[in-house]
Amino acid sequence: MTSAQGSPGPAQARPLSALVLAGSRPGAPDPVASAEGVAHKALIEIDGQPMLARVVAALKAADIARVAVITSTPEVIALAQDLGCEVLPAEAGPSASVAAGFAHLGAPMLVTTADHALLDAQWVTDFVADAGEDADVAILLARREAVEKALPGSKRTWLKMADGAWSGCNLFLLARPGADAAIETWKAVEADRKRPWRIALRLGPGILLRFALGRLTMAEAIARLGGKIGVAAVRVAARDGLAAVDVDKPSDLVDVRAILAARKTQ
């Protein structure tokens, strides 16, 4: 299989770059940043390091030499520059920021977020390998049982499909030049992530019926979404359930700090 623009060969023909999203939602202040008394949650110290520094360190440990951070917060800009990252201004929403990052960095590009505090270099390496050589776009998702095994009692938004319940891992791969066609669809899917029936409806009444009957798998849904816009899209199952843990709320920060403290005693 070739990409949407007909470019053959593996996704890794060019060096992999990474885009870290560190924008701010409009409106009310971020509750985690406010609780910690910082301008942006990317600046929160976890085990002696700002959260953004932890994410960048994991990416560089995965042999990603070129890392760009999307942000408009002055303190985050300064930190990103100190970490040796390129800095791009945040756009109006995550999908627009990803589009700007992709225009700047090109394919293949990994996308993650500044609040992915437990990000591990091995997760990145495994994700890219498991995506395969034919994918234009890959999305990392974790099975509910894997998340609950890694972090019992975790409360998350689950996408329930025929092949189980899934949680997002804030890791995406735009592997080939044609992958930018998926960015607007990504925006729509993000908006409907708590209403999977609306995602199925985008694929037509037949797929909606399969979803309603409990016969639509996550892998099939993602592949069909990709096919609808002309890209090869794949679902990759996370090998470690902790890949689904980010810092969206104060209780997540408590969990992350507890996980890292427990590792020190092992």
Protein backbone atom coordinates (compact mmCIF):
# COMPACT_ATOMS: atom_id res chain seq x y z
CA MET A 1 0.00 0.00 0.00
CA THR A 2 1.14 3.54 -0.70
CA SER A 3 0.23 6.78 1.00
CA ALA A 4 -2.50 9.21 0.00
CA GLN A 5 0.03 11.03 -2.18
CA GLY A 6 1.56 7.86 -3.55
CA SER A 7 4.83 7.99 -1.61
CA PRO A 8 6.07 4.42 -1.16
CA GLY A 9 8.33 3.09 1.51
CA PRO A 10 8.41 3.13 5.31
CA ALA A 11 7.27 6.05 7.45
CA GLN A 12 10.79 6.36 8.79
CA ALA A 13 12.44 7.24 5.46
CA ARG A 14 13.01 10.68 7.01
CA PRO A 15 13.96 11.25 10.65
CA LEU A 16 10.99 11.39 12.97
CA SER A 17 10.22 14.79 14.47
CA ALA A 18 7.85 15.56 17.34
CA LEU A 19 5.31 18.25 18.11
CA VAL A 20 4.35 18.92 21.73
CA LEU A 21 1.06 20.73 22.26
CA ALA A 22 1.23 23.21 25.14
CA GLY A 23 -1.53 25.63 24.28
CA SER A 24 -4.17 26.95 26.65
CA ARG A 25 -7.91 26.47 26.45
CA PRO A 26 -9.83 29.74 26.22
CA GLY A 27 -11.98 30.76 29.15
CA ALA A 28 -11.42 29.67 32.73
CA PRO A 29 -7.85 29.05 34.00
CA ASP A 30 -6.57 25.48 33.94
CA PRO A 31 -7.48 23.93 37.32
CA VAL A 32 -4.22 21.99 37.62
CA ALA A 33 -2.05 25.03 36.89
CA SER A 34 -4.11 27.15 39.29
CA ALA A 35 -3.82 24.56 42.07
CA GLU A 36 -0.02 24.50 41.63
CA GLY A 37 0.35 28.28 41.30
CA VAL A 38 1.96 28.30 37.85
CA ALA A 39 1.12 30.05 34.59
CA HIS A 40 0.67 26.78 32.66
CA LYS A 41 0.52 23.15 33.74
CA ALA A 42 3.51 22.36 31.52
CA LEU A 43 5.56 24.20 34.18
CA ILE A 44 4.41 22.04 37.11
CA GLU A 45 7.33 20.29 38.75
CA ILE A 46 7.06 16.52 39.02
CA ASP A 47 9.89 14.67 40.69
CA GLY A 48 12.11 17.73 40.36
CA GLN A 49 11.40 18.47 36.68
CA PRO A 50 8.84 20.65 34.92
CA MET A 51 6.30 18.46 33.18
CA LEU A 52 7.33 19.75 29.74
CA ALA A 53 10.96 18.84 30.47
CA ARG A 54 9.90 15.26 31.25
CA VAL A 55 8.05 14.98 27.94
CA VAL A 56 10.93 16.43 25.92
CA ALA A 57 13.45 14.17 27.67
CA ALA A 58 11.39 11.09 26.76
CA LEU A 59 11.16 12.16 23.12
CA LYS A 60 14.89 12.78 22.87
CA ALA A 61 15.60 9.45 24.56
CA ALA A 62 13.59 7.89 21.71
CA ASP A 63 16.13 9.38 19.27
CA ILE A 64 13.88 12.25 18.17
CA ALA A 65 16.33 15.05 17.56
CA ARG A 66 13.89 17.71 16.35
CA VAL A 67 11.18 18.70 18.83
CA ALA A 68 8.86 21.68 18.46
CA VAL A 69 6.58 23.04 21.19
CA ILE A 70 3.33 24.81 20.35
CA THR A 71 2.57 27.48 22.95
CA SER A 72 1.86 31.16 23.48
CA THR A 73 2.65 31.26 27.21
CA PRO A 74 5.87 33.26 27.76
CA GLU A 75 7.12 31.07 30.61
CA VAL A 76 6.60 27.93 28.54
CA ILE A 77 8.32 29.52 25.55
CA ALA A 78 11.36 30.27 27.71
CA LEU A 79 11.45 26.72 29.10
CA ALA A 80 11.07 25.15 25.65
CA GLN A 81 13.95 27.22 24.33
CA ASP A 82 16.10 26.23 27.32
CA LEU A 83 15.32 22.60 26.47
CA GLY A 84 16.59 23.09 22.92
CA CYS A 85 13.16 22.95 21.29
CA GLU A 86 11.78 24.98 18.44
CA VAL A 87 8.77 27.08 19.42
CA LEU A 88 5.66 27.77 17.36
CA PRO A 89 2.75 30.02 18.39
CA ALA A 90 -0.43 28.27 19.47
CA GLU A 91 -3.28 28.41 16.99
CA ALA A 92 -7.03 28.50 17.64
CA GLY A 93 -7.42 24.94 18.91
CA PRO A 94 -5.41 21.71 18.89
CA SER A 95 -6.16 20.69 15.31
CA ALA A 96 -5.09 24.08 13.93
CA SER A 97 -1.92 23.87 16.02
CA VAL A 98 -1.18 20.40 14.67
CA ALA A 99 -1.71 21.65 11.13
CA ALA A 100 0.75 24.49 11.73
CA GLY A 101 3.25 22.08 13.29
CA PHE A 102 2.93 19.67 10.38
CA ALA A 103 3.48 22.49 7.88
CA HIS A 104 6.65 23.41 9.79
CA LEU A 105 8.12 19.99 10.61
CA GLY A 106 6.74 17.78 7.83
CA ALA A 107 6.32 14.01 7.88
CA PRO A 108 6.88 11.81 9.74
CA MET A 109 5.75 13.73 12.81
CA LEU A 110 4.75 12.44 16.23
CA VAL A 111 2.22 14.50 18.18
CA THR A 112 1.89 14.47 21.95
CA THR A 113 0.98 16.88 24.74
CA ALA A 114 2.90 18.72 27.45
CA ASP A 115 0.79 17.06 30.16
CA HIS A 116 1.87 13.53 29.17
CA ALA A 117 3.98 13.42 32.34
CA LEU A 118 4.68 9.68 32.33
CA LEU A 119 5.71 9.53 28.67
CA ASP A 120 8.36 6.90 28.17
CA ALA A 121 10.82 6.60 25.30
CA GLN A 122 9.96 2.91 24.91
CA TRP A 123 6.29 3.76 24.38
CA VAL A 124 7.29 6.04 21.52
CA THR A 125 9.56 3.42 19.95
CA ASP A 126 6.93 0.68 20.30
CA PHE A 127 4.16 2.91 18.93
CA VAL A 128 6.08 3.78 15.76
CA ALA A 129 7.08 0.14 15.24
CA ASP A 130 3.55 -1.17 15.84
CA ALA A 131 2.06 1.39 13.44
CA GLY A 132 3.77 -0.44 10.60
CA GLU A 133 5.24 0.83 7.36
CA ASP A 134 1.99 1.29 5.44
CA ALA A 135 0.15 3.69 7.75
CA ASP A 136 -0.34 7.33 6.87
CA VAL A 137 -1.83 8.03 10.30
CA ALA A 138 -1.64 6.06 13.55
CA ILE A 139 -3.43 6.60 16.84
CA LEU A 140 -2.34 5.06 20.13
CA LEU A 141 -5.20 3.81 22.31
CA ALA A 142 -5.19 1.77 25.50
CA ARG A 143 -7.58 -1.02 26.36
CA ARG A 144 -9.58 -0.48 29.54
CA GLU A 145 -8.22 -3.63 31.15
CA ALA A 146 -4.64 -2.48 30.51
CA VAL A 147 -5.29 0.95 32.05
CA GLU A 148 -7.05 -0.47 35.09
CA LYS A 149 -4.30 -3.03 35.62
CA ALA A 150 -1.66 -0.29 35.53
CA LEU A 151 -3.70 2.20 37.57
CA PRO A 152 -6.56 0.58 39.49
CA GLY A 153 -9.50 2.90 40.06
CA SER A 154 -8.62 5.19 37.17
CA LYS A 155 -11.61 7.24 36.03
CA ARG A 156 -11.50 7.96 32.32
CA THR A 157 -13.70 8.48 29.29
CA TRP A 158 -14.04 5.11 27.56
CA LEU A 159 -14.92 4.58 23.92
CA LYS A 160 -16.86 1.31 23.96
CA MET A 161 -16.58 -0.74 20.78
CA ALA A 162 -16.97 -4.38 19.76
CA ASP A 163 -13.32 -5.06 20.57
CA GLY A 164 -13.49 -3.51 24.04
CA ALA A 165 -13.41 -0.13 25.74
CA TRP A 166 -10.58 2.24 24.80
CA SER A 167 -8.95 5.40 26.13
CA GLY A 168 -6.81 7.85 24.20
CA CYS A 169 -3.08 8.07 24.89
CA ASN A 170 -2.23 11.51 23.47
CA LEU A 171 0.15 9.97 20.94
CA PHE A 172 -0.46 10.33 17.23
CA LEU A 173 1.72 9.68 14.21
CA LEU A 174 1.38 11.61 10.97
CA ALA A 175 3.66 9.38 8.98
CA ARG A 176 3.45 10.67 5.41
CA PRO A 177 2.84 13.96 3.60
CA GLY A 178 -0.79 13.12 2.85
CA ALA A 179 -1.56 12.70 6.54
CA ASP A 180 -2.55 16.34 6.82
CA ALA A 181 -5.89 15.34 5.29
CA ALA A 182 -6.70 13.67 8.60
CA ILE A 183 -6.28 16.75 10.79
CA GLU A 184 -9.75 18.22 10.27
CA THR A 185 -11.31 14.79 10.79
CA TRP A 186 -9.28 14.49 13.98
CA LYS A 187 -10.88 17.76 15.15
CA ALA A 188 -14.36 16.37 14.54
CA VAL A 189 -13.59 13.06 16.24
CA GLU A 190 -12.14 14.86 19.28
CA ALA A 191 -15.35 16.89 19.54
CA ASP A 192 -17.42 13.68 19.50
CA ARG A 193 -15.14 11.51 21.63
CA LYS A 194 -17.82 11.12 24.32
CA ARG A 195 -20.47 10.33 21.69
CA PRO A 196 -19.03 7.50 19.57
CA TRP A 197 -22.33 6.99 17.78
CA ARG A 198 -21.77 10.34 16.07
CA ILE A 199 -18.37 9.16 14.88
CA ALA A 200 -20.02 6.04 13.44
CA LEU A 201 -22.70 8.16 11.78
CA ARG A 202 -20.01 9.99 9.80
CA LEU A 203 -19.30 6.67 8.09
CA GLY A 204 -22.88 6.16 6.97
CA PRO A 205 -26.02 4.42 8.22
CA GLY A 206 -24.62 0.93 7.67
CA ILE A 207 -21.67 1.57 9.99
CA LEU A 208 -23.96 3.28 12.51
CA LEU A 209 -26.10 0.14 12.55
CA ARG A 210 -23.01 -2.03 13.13
CA PHE A 211 -22.08 0.23 16.04
CA ALA A 212 -25.60 0.08 17.48
CA LEU A 213 -25.52 -3.73 17.28
CA GLY A 214 -22.14 -3.83 19.01
CA ARG A 215 -20.32 -5.15 15.95
CA LEU A 216 -18.05 -2.22 15.08
CA THR A 217 -14.47 -2.55 16.29
CA MET A 218 -12.20 0.38 17.04
CA ALA A 219 -9.71 -0.81 14.42
CA GLU A 220 -12.43 -0.93 11.76
CA ALA A 221 -13.83 2.48 12.71
CA ILE A 222 -10.42 4.17 12.45
CA ALA A 223 -9.55 2.40 9.21
CA ARG A 224 -12.88 3.41 7.67
CA LEU A 225 -12.53 7.01 8.85
CA GLY A 226 -9.14 7.10 7.18
CA GLY A 227 -10.49 5.54 4.02
CA LYS A 228 -13.23 8.15 3.84
CA ILE A 229 -10.63 10.92 3.56
CA GLY A 230 -8.09 8.96 1.54
CA VAL A 231 -5.47 7.97 4.11
CA ALA A 232 -4.43 4.65 5.63
CA ALA A 233 -5.26 5.04 9.33
CA VAL A 234 -4.52 2.44 11.99
CA ARG A 235 -5.34 1.93 15.65
CA VAL A 236 -2.33 0.87 17.72
CA ALA A 237 -2.96 -0.77 21.10
CA ALA A 238 -0.70 0.55 23.85
CA ARG A 239 1.54 -2.08 25.40
CA ASP A 240 1.45 -0.22 28.74
CA GLY A 241 -1.85 1.04 30.19
CA LEU A 242 -0.06 3.97 31.81
CA ALA A 243 0.25 5.49 28.34
CA ALA A 244 -3.35 6.66 28.78
CA VAL A 245 -2.54 8.67 31.91
CA ASP A 246 -2.15 12.41 31.42
CA VAL A 247 -2.67 15.36 33.76
CA ASP A 248 -6.08 16.82 33.01
CA LYS A 249 -7.17 17.39 36.60
CA PRO A 250 -5.59 17.67 40.08
CA SER A 251 -6.34 14.02 40.88
CA ASP A 252 -4.31 12.98 37.81
CA LEU A 253 -1.34 14.89 39.18
CA VAL A 254 -1.70 13.04 42.49
CA ASP A 255 -1.71 9.73 40.60
CA VAL A 256 1.36 10.62 38.53
CA ARG A 257 3.35 11.69 41.55
CA ALA A 258 2.35 8.52 43.40
CA ILE A 259 3.42 6.33 40.46
CA LEU A 260 6.82 8.00 40.26
CA ALA A 261 7.32 7.84 44.03
CA ALA A 262 6.48 4.12 43.99
CA ARG A 263 9.08 3.50 41.28
CA LYS A 264 11.76 4.93 43.53
CA THR A 265 11.02 2.31 46.18
CA GLN A 266 11.16 -0.64 43.78
